[in-house]
Amino acid sequence: MNHQSKADPPPAAQALNKLAQRIINCRKCPRLSEYIRAVAQEKRRAYIDQDYWGRPVPGFGDPRACLLIVGLAPGAHGSNRTGRMFTGDASGDWLFGALHRHGFANRALALNRQDGLQLKDAFITAAGRCAPPRNKPTSEELAACRPYLLEELDILNRLRMILCLGKIAFDATLKALADRGTPWPGAKPIFKHAAVYQVESKDVPLLMASYHPSRQNTQTGRLTSTMWDGIFTACRRELD
């Protein structure tokens, strides 16, 4: 007999909430733990009056998501400040603007955890859960985070597409899928903007790659707004 009440969240949401608490409490990587606490204490002058999150950042979004978006890691003064993936920095402005235009988010701006932002059919996570110095996590730190991505893949059992933002996220996702025994047909997928890969198993989502919407890419023209919107047009077309 099912004793779940109407007020209880669905099992996927419950599992994601429990995982989020474990991620927030994670202290596997001393270098990262020390760094994010130091940034939260020192702060950036523009945010001097704000309370920084200063802890590992869990994924968030729709428990029934069919699209999983994997980023690199929290920004020191973005997600490490706000406590929510891609929230509070320029990369997030690009991401949530596109998600809103293509029907995955109810608003185009992400300011803080209380701003009312909701995702529909999408879930956002990252290869690393702590902001790394110089935005460069070590291979050991990424390996320590990979079990969390694996758990999200297991919990989000309605996924039909995984969008990886940047090569580090792409490689981390490949390793997570390999840990699940994913059978890749032919050669191993190679990171290339707008590339889409299909595995042999129908139970594994499509894998899509994109340049990360970092300022290094958007301000140099490596990633244009047309290229960026093309990614989400392709996602929506595949999902629909």
Protein backbone atom coordinates (compact mmCIF):
# COMPACT_ATOMS: atom_id res chain seq x y z
CA MET A 1 0.00 0.00 0.00
CA ASN A 2 1.27 3.48 -0.86
CA HIS A 3 1.28 5.63 2.28
CA GLN A 4 2.68 8.73 0.56
CA SER A 5 0.42 11.71 1.26
CA LYS A 6 -0.45 14.40 -1.27
CA ALA A 7 1.77 16.80 0.69
CA ASP A 8 4.84 14.56 0.37
CA PRO A 9 7.26 15.22 -2.50
CA PRO A 10 7.59 12.45 -5.11
CA PRO A 11 10.32 9.83 -4.52
CA ALA A 12 12.74 11.49 -6.99
CA ALA A 13 12.40 14.82 -5.19
CA GLN A 14 12.95 13.14 -1.83
CA ALA A 15 16.06 11.41 -3.10
CA LEU A 16 17.41 14.62 -4.61
CA ASN A 17 16.81 16.50 -1.36
CA LYS A 18 18.72 13.87 0.61
CA LEU A 19 21.55 13.94 -1.90
CA ALA A 20 21.64 17.74 -1.73
CA GLN A 21 22.17 17.64 2.03
CA ARG A 22 25.04 15.19 1.64
CA ILE A 23 26.65 17.41 -0.98
CA ILE A 24 26.28 20.52 1.18
CA ASN A 25 27.95 18.71 4.07
CA CYS A 26 30.73 17.23 1.92
CA ARG A 27 34.32 17.92 3.03
CA LYS A 28 36.17 15.42 0.85
CA CYS A 29 38.58 17.96 -0.64
CA PRO A 30 40.51 20.05 1.95
CA ARG A 31 41.87 22.50 -0.63
CA LEU A 32 38.41 23.35 -1.92
CA SER A 33 36.79 23.46 1.53
CA GLU A 34 39.41 25.95 2.69
CA TYR A 35 39.14 28.04 -0.46
CA ILE A 36 35.34 28.44 -0.51
CA ARG A 37 35.31 29.38 3.18
CA ALA A 38 38.05 31.96 2.61
CA VAL A 39 36.18 33.51 -0.33
CA ALA A 40 32.99 33.65 1.74
CA GLN A 41 34.81 35.55 4.48
CA GLU A 42 36.80 37.93 2.29
CA LYS A 43 33.98 38.58 -0.24
CA ARG A 44 34.08 40.78 -3.30
CA ARG A 45 33.56 44.50 -2.72
CA ALA A 46 30.37 44.53 -4.83
CA TYR A 47 28.83 41.93 -2.48
CA ILE A 48 30.38 43.02 0.80
CA ASP A 49 26.97 43.32 2.51
CA GLN A 50 25.78 39.88 1.40
CA ASP A 51 26.10 36.58 3.23
CA TYR A 52 28.03 34.13 1.10
CA TRP A 53 26.95 30.49 0.87
CA GLY A 54 30.54 29.24 1.15
CA ARG A 55 29.68 25.52 0.95
CA PRO A 56 29.41 22.86 -1.76
CA VAL A 57 26.54 23.62 -4.14
CA PRO A 58 24.00 20.88 -4.99
CA GLY A 59 22.18 20.53 -8.28
CA PHE A 60 18.63 21.85 -8.65
CA GLY A 61 15.65 21.73 -10.94
CA ASP A 62 12.73 19.55 -11.97
CA PRO A 63 12.80 16.02 -10.44
CA ARG A 64 10.99 14.85 -13.60
CA ALA A 65 13.59 16.46 -15.87
CA CYS A 66 14.23 15.10 -19.34
CA LEU A 67 17.19 17.48 -19.87
CA LEU A 68 20.25 17.41 -17.60
CA ILE A 69 22.67 20.35 -17.89
CA VAL A 70 26.18 19.74 -16.56
CA GLY A 71 28.48 22.69 -15.90
CA LEU A 72 32.06 22.93 -14.67
CA ALA A 73 31.84 24.09 -11.04
CA PRO A 74 30.40 26.95 -8.97
CA GLY A 75 31.87 30.40 -9.50
CA ALA A 76 33.69 31.88 -6.50
CA HIS A 77 31.43 34.95 -6.40
CA GLY A 78 28.47 33.40 -8.24
CA SER A 79 27.15 30.08 -6.97
CA ASN A 80 29.56 30.08 -4.03
CA ARG A 81 27.86 33.32 -3.00
CA THR A 82 24.24 32.47 -3.80
CA GLY A 83 24.21 28.72 -3.11
CA ARG A 84 22.52 27.78 -6.40
CA MET A 85 24.09 26.57 -9.62
CA PHE A 86 24.75 29.28 -12.25
CA THR A 87 23.08 31.90 -10.07
CA GLY A 88 24.57 35.36 -9.64
CA ASP A 89 27.08 35.61 -12.47
CA ALA A 90 27.34 36.33 -16.20
CA SER A 91 27.33 32.66 -17.19
CA GLY A 92 24.02 32.25 -15.42
CA ASP A 93 22.58 35.25 -17.27
CA TRP A 94 23.30 33.46 -20.54
CA LEU A 95 22.04 30.10 -19.32
CA PHE A 96 18.77 31.18 -17.73
CA GLY A 97 17.99 33.61 -20.52
CA ALA A 98 18.16 30.71 -22.99
CA LEU A 99 16.26 28.34 -20.70
CA HIS A 100 13.47 30.91 -20.39
CA ARG A 101 13.30 31.57 -24.14
CA HIS A 102 13.00 27.86 -24.86
CA GLY A 103 10.44 27.03 -22.19
CA PHE A 104 12.68 25.39 -19.56
CA ALA A 105 12.48 28.17 -16.94
CA ASN A 106 9.76 30.51 -15.67
CA ARG A 107 12.06 33.54 -15.62
CA ALA A 108 15.17 34.76 -17.42
CA LEU A 109 17.21 36.00 -14.46
CA ALA A 110 18.64 34.07 -11.52
CA LEU A 111 19.51 36.33 -8.59
CA ASN A 112 19.34 34.20 -5.44
CA ARG A 113 17.67 31.11 -3.97
CA GLN A 114 14.53 33.11 -3.07
CA ASP A 115 13.91 34.70 -6.48
CA GLY A 116 11.09 32.34 -7.50
CA LEU A 117 13.00 30.72 -10.35
CA GLN A 118 11.63 27.30 -11.32
CA LEU A 119 12.83 24.91 -13.98
CA LYS A 120 10.53 22.72 -16.05
CA ASP A 121 11.83 19.52 -17.68
CA ALA A 122 15.41 20.51 -16.79
CA PHE A 123 17.89 19.91 -13.97
CA ILE A 124 21.22 21.73 -13.54
CA THR A 125 24.30 20.21 -11.95
CA ALA A 126 28.10 20.36 -12.32
CA ALA A 127 31.21 18.22 -12.53
CA GLY A 128 32.50 19.89 -9.35
CA ARG A 129 30.42 21.13 -6.42
CA CYS A 130 32.91 23.56 -4.86
CA ALA A 131 34.34 26.70 -6.46
CA PRO A 132 37.98 25.88 -7.33
CA PRO A 133 40.88 28.35 -7.26
CA ARG A 134 41.44 29.86 -10.75
CA ASN A 135 38.38 27.86 -11.84
CA LYS A 136 40.55 24.75 -12.21
CA PRO A 137 39.61 21.68 -10.15
CA THR A 138 42.16 18.88 -10.01
CA SER A 139 41.46 15.46 -11.48
CA GLU A 140 41.33 14.05 -7.93
CA GLU A 141 38.73 16.64 -6.89
CA LEU A 142 36.59 15.89 -9.93
CA ALA A 143 36.84 12.17 -9.18
CA ALA A 144 35.67 12.82 -5.61
CA CYS A 145 32.56 14.58 -6.98
CA ARG A 146 31.73 12.02 -9.65
CA PRO A 147 29.66 9.74 -7.35
CA TYR A 148 27.22 12.63 -6.86
CA LEU A 149 26.72 12.94 -10.62
CA LEU A 150 26.22 9.18 -10.80
CA GLU A 151 23.50 9.37 -8.15
CA GLU A 152 21.76 12.17 -10.02
CA LEU A 153 21.81 10.09 -13.20
CA ASP A 154 20.19 7.23 -11.30
CA ILE A 155 17.56 9.40 -9.61
CA LEU A 156 16.62 11.37 -12.73
CA ASN A 157 15.29 8.32 -14.54
CA ARG A 158 13.29 10.29 -17.13
CA LEU A 159 16.35 11.90 -18.76
CA ARG A 160 16.47 11.91 -22.54
CA MET A 161 19.36 14.34 -23.11
CA ILE A 162 22.49 15.46 -21.26
CA LEU A 163 23.94 18.84 -22.25
CA CYS A 164 27.58 19.31 -21.20
CA LEU A 165 28.87 22.87 -20.97
CA GLY A 166 32.59 22.78 -21.67
CA LYS A 167 35.14 20.01 -22.08
CA ILE A 168 35.65 19.37 -18.35
CA ALA A 169 31.93 18.78 -17.87
CA PHE A 170 31.87 16.65 -21.02
CA ASP A 171 34.76 14.46 -19.86
CA ALA A 172 33.30 14.15 -16.35
CA THR A 173 29.97 13.03 -17.79
CA LEU A 174 31.67 10.48 -20.02
CA LYS A 175 33.48 9.04 -16.99
CA ALA A 176 30.24 8.91 -15.00
CA LEU A 177 28.46 7.12 -17.84
CA ALA A 178 31.42 4.73 -18.18
CA ASP A 179 31.10 3.94 -14.47
CA ARG A 180 27.52 2.90 -15.24
CA GLY A 181 28.73 0.58 -18.01
CA THR A 182 27.47 2.69 -20.91
CA PRO A 183 28.29 1.00 -24.26
CA TRP A 184 29.62 3.62 -26.70
CA PRO A 185 29.38 2.50 -30.33
CA GLY A 186 32.64 2.99 -32.20
CA ALA A 187 35.15 5.63 -31.12
CA LYS A 188 34.88 7.52 -27.85
CA PRO A 189 32.91 10.79 -28.18
CA ILE A 190 35.05 13.88 -28.70
CA PHE A 191 34.19 17.31 -27.35
CA LYS A 192 33.01 19.62 -30.11
CA HIS A 193 30.47 22.42 -29.94
CA ALA A 194 26.98 21.23 -30.93
CA ALA A 195 28.10 17.62 -31.31
CA VAL A 196 25.46 15.01 -30.39
CA TYR A 197 26.23 11.41 -29.49
CA GLN A 198 23.88 8.44 -29.15
CA VAL A 199 24.81 5.29 -27.29
CA GLU A 200 23.66 1.79 -28.10
CA SER A 201 21.35 1.50 -25.11
CA LYS A 202 17.96 3.16 -25.42
CA ASP A 203 18.02 3.68 -21.64
CA VAL A 204 20.91 6.18 -21.90
CA PRO A 205 20.15 9.80 -22.88
CA LEU A 206 21.58 11.58 -25.89
CA LEU A 207 24.82 13.39 -25.09
CA MET A 208 25.31 16.93 -26.42
CA ALA A 209 28.33 19.22 -26.11
CA SER A 210 28.51 23.00 -26.01
CA TYR A 211 31.06 25.65 -25.23
CA HIS A 212 30.60 26.94 -21.70
CA PRO A 213 28.89 30.39 -21.52
CA SER A 214 31.84 31.84 -19.61
CA ARG A 215 33.02 35.36 -20.29
CA GLN A 216 36.17 33.91 -21.85
CA ASN A 217 33.92 32.43 -24.54
CA THR A 218 31.09 34.95 -24.83
CA GLN A 219 33.22 38.11 -24.80
CA THR A 220 35.69 36.76 -27.35
CA GLY A 221 33.07 35.59 -29.83
CA ARG A 222 33.96 31.94 -29.48
CA LEU A 223 30.36 31.43 -28.32
CA THR A 224 27.85 33.80 -29.92
CA SER A 225 24.23 34.29 -28.93
CA THR A 226 23.16 32.62 -32.18
CA MET A 227 25.32 29.57 -31.48
CA TRP A 228 24.00 29.44 -27.90
CA ASP A 229 20.33 29.63 -28.89
CA GLY A 230 21.01 26.96 -31.50
CA ILE A 231 22.00 24.57 -28.73
CA PHE A 232 18.67 24.93 -26.93
CA THR A 233 16.70 24.89 -30.15
CA ALA A 234 18.31 21.51 -30.84
CA CYS A 235 17.56 20.33 -27.29
CA ARG A 236 13.92 21.33 -27.55
CA ARG A 237 13.59 19.72 -30.97
CA GLU A 238 15.01 16.42 -29.71
CA LEU A 239 12.85 16.43 -26.59
CA ASP A 240 9.67 17.36 -28.40
